[in-house]
């Protein structure tokens, strides 16, 4: 047993699935027994009112039924309970219960019992007030310095303070600048109300100022009527604490000055009567509730602060004196005096766990057994030490930041992709221009080993792919249970996807409350985005892949794309993408080569990836472990740079559209203001064609918005093409330089850092920064390059010349023997590894060669280089808007 656990003196669970909050707990001698023994009063949001008289129980025993003095349902949610002198003509204590639209005051009395069951308790309604506004909380005290009775102040949800002089309603006042209600307390020493506003500042209002201020019923009157009906409500003092407050408590344990305690979200404040800070304590946890109580040391105040980690801290001013563990997270804490025990800590959780505990220590009866003495075997210890050191060395070799996944997870998620396309397509709102858009079914199964609370499943595929439903929420999963869902994946946008992969992710909480995530990936078939056609002989872009094994018939590795009538003689395949482009795959009959060709560079990626994957799977089934693919051609950088320029040009267009839209919006608002001024004028003046200008500007704004939307769609398709071409370049570099898996991962992190492209953070500046970092670290030639500092702020460049130069230099460094690494000492090793110039092998002697400036590597230009397409529509729109602007300025 831990020394720092709260000692359970008495506890119980209230009701089933009831909810409680900060004001639902109160301790006082509510039945006026005169014994000085407090009773525990609890109200719930379900309307149950309970009064307890706790008695100590032995460990393991249940609470005795006679401890519950009274239980009654009031039919309305109970927001707050308080005990005070609320009935005129008597100084006895009565119970005030605050509902959403009602305030009730009850008298709790006991009837002497004639049998062994004891006394009978009952409540009697003394009076009630029906509220015109929804209540939030209340406070009470001798407002105005009255003697022998307590008045009640209720704060509504819209910022009105309603004051009641016991059986009668006094007045109501609205707080100035109110937005949301905060905690409310009353200071009897200064006769003022203290609250925390939405401006995150503590405010104090004098009762006398509230009494003589403008009546709340006249809030909607004109300014002249307000000035004549009363004084303005002025705040007494203000203190900005910079955070929202959870609770306020005003205490005065001696005849001296009182203290105002404010519990914030991250700080604990103690204020003087005039709002000056007496002391404050910065909390390194998230508090839930607090209560100050009298200290044994003069001049100090003790405070109990509970937090969301189930810890109750005891402070003497700002000094932590004790910390104890609680069984639950309390939402309210009080200090009470019970039978023969003073200072019992009463806590209430939001789910109804009511506990009376005390701070102390229990003696530990455990004694450690004596260890049998034996001789030490130094040889065994030495062997065990070597084995442990070996394990430590193996563990420190890895550079992974994330820990390794557990061998057996609490939840296992699997995804099974159907081998065939859906007979009836499930595509929804697809923009593909093809006749029929196919879909494929994915069956996802969630298997749980333990109890999983609030599991939710997210199915993610990269655009332009889409799923029929991507979010699922399940009930709590029991151990050894499973859930199965079925979704369909289809092509939504009219462009080829850069990846045919998806991810299933399940998030859940284990019984201890710790959140966990389990995920799996699945691959989609190539026939989801293309279908077989007749192969094409001519193409602008051609790539050749070399292997170390004889060529395999396409009927063997592509049975779903080859016509069965062709048999094993098929050595050419045609792929027609749903977006409209075509690609052709050729197998050499005499050499160990495969050629992929297409009119678009980005369309080569999916076919090449599928070819290499199916070849590896084919030879893996034949237990052939030495199969390898290589690329001895030239990297098509010029064609790749054209895609970069096209994407960057659309980004520039988007920026211009945004500037033009901003200008037209300013112009539109200026014309509106002038028209409004003309219409408000008592002597109407001619409009001077302002209505014509307004209509023309409105049409321009609509036209610009449509053009910007169309440009955004084009930029999305350009980014998808750029990602496909980037995947292709990464694969060609990895085959060319025979990179390892870790080096390929570095390449992908360098050239594919973004899942989505935005104006604030685009692909060009991000890749430029990543490539520049590699050129100055692991691919650097000298220490001078390592000493150069990179810019810490990414911004959209003016053009792509720097990016293209860095990519060319990057390939040149790899061609000269550079190796990718993220270790700190890699740069020093590169100086010894890099040999002299090393030119790449061209793909064919018959093909045209171009030498990239500034690099010793040769890169082939396959076919004719297409020029960047201009944007005549965009230029025409800009010219028309500029001409219209000149007309507006002239008018």
Foldseek 3Di string as FASTA:
>chain_A
DDQFAFFFFAWDFPDAQWFAFAQQWDWACQAPPVPQFIWIWGFTQQQKIWIFADDGDDPPDHGDPVRTQDIDGPRFGWQHKDWAQQAPPDLHIWIWTDGQFKIWIWRKHWDADPDPSGIHIDIDTPAMDGHPATWHDKEKDDAPPDPRGIKIWTAGQQAKTWTANRRGTQAIDGDPPADGFFAWYADPVQNWIWTAGPQQKIWIFHSVLVNFAAGPVCPPPDPVVRVVRGHHGDTQDMGHPPFGWDYWDWDDPDPDWIWIWTHGQFKIFIATPNGHTPDMEGHPAGWQEKDWDPDPDPPWIWMWTFGQVQKIFIDTHHRTDGIHGHPHGFNYWDFTDHDVDGGWIWTAHRSGITTTTDNDGDDDPDDDDDDDDDDDDVVVVVVVVVVVVVVVVVVVVDPDPDDDDDPDDQKAKDKDKDPDWDPDAPDDQAPQPDDDQIKTKIKMKMFGQAWWAFKKKAKDDAPPKDKPDGIDTDHIDHHGDMDMDMIIITGRYLADFLFQKMKMKMWTAGPVGDIDMYMDMDGDDPVNFKAWDDADDDAQDKFKKAKPDADAFCCVLPVVRDDVVVPRPDFKIKIAGSSGWIKMWGQDPPHRMIMIGTHALLVSQVVVVSVVVSVVVVVVVVVDDPIAMAGQAFQQLLSLVLLVQQLLVLLVLLVVLVVVLVVLVVVLVVLVVVVVVQVPDPDHDDSVCSVVVNVVSVVLNVVSVVVSVVSVSVSVNSVSSSSSNLSVSLVNLCRHLVADPVQSVLSCCLQPVDSDADQADGRQQSNLQSLLVQCLALLDQDVVSVPDDDDPDTHSDPGRPSVSVSVQVSVQSVQQFTGDDDDRCNNVVSNVGGDDGGEGRHPDPPFDWDPDPPHPYIHTRRHDDDDRDDDVVSVVSVVVVVVVVVVVVVD
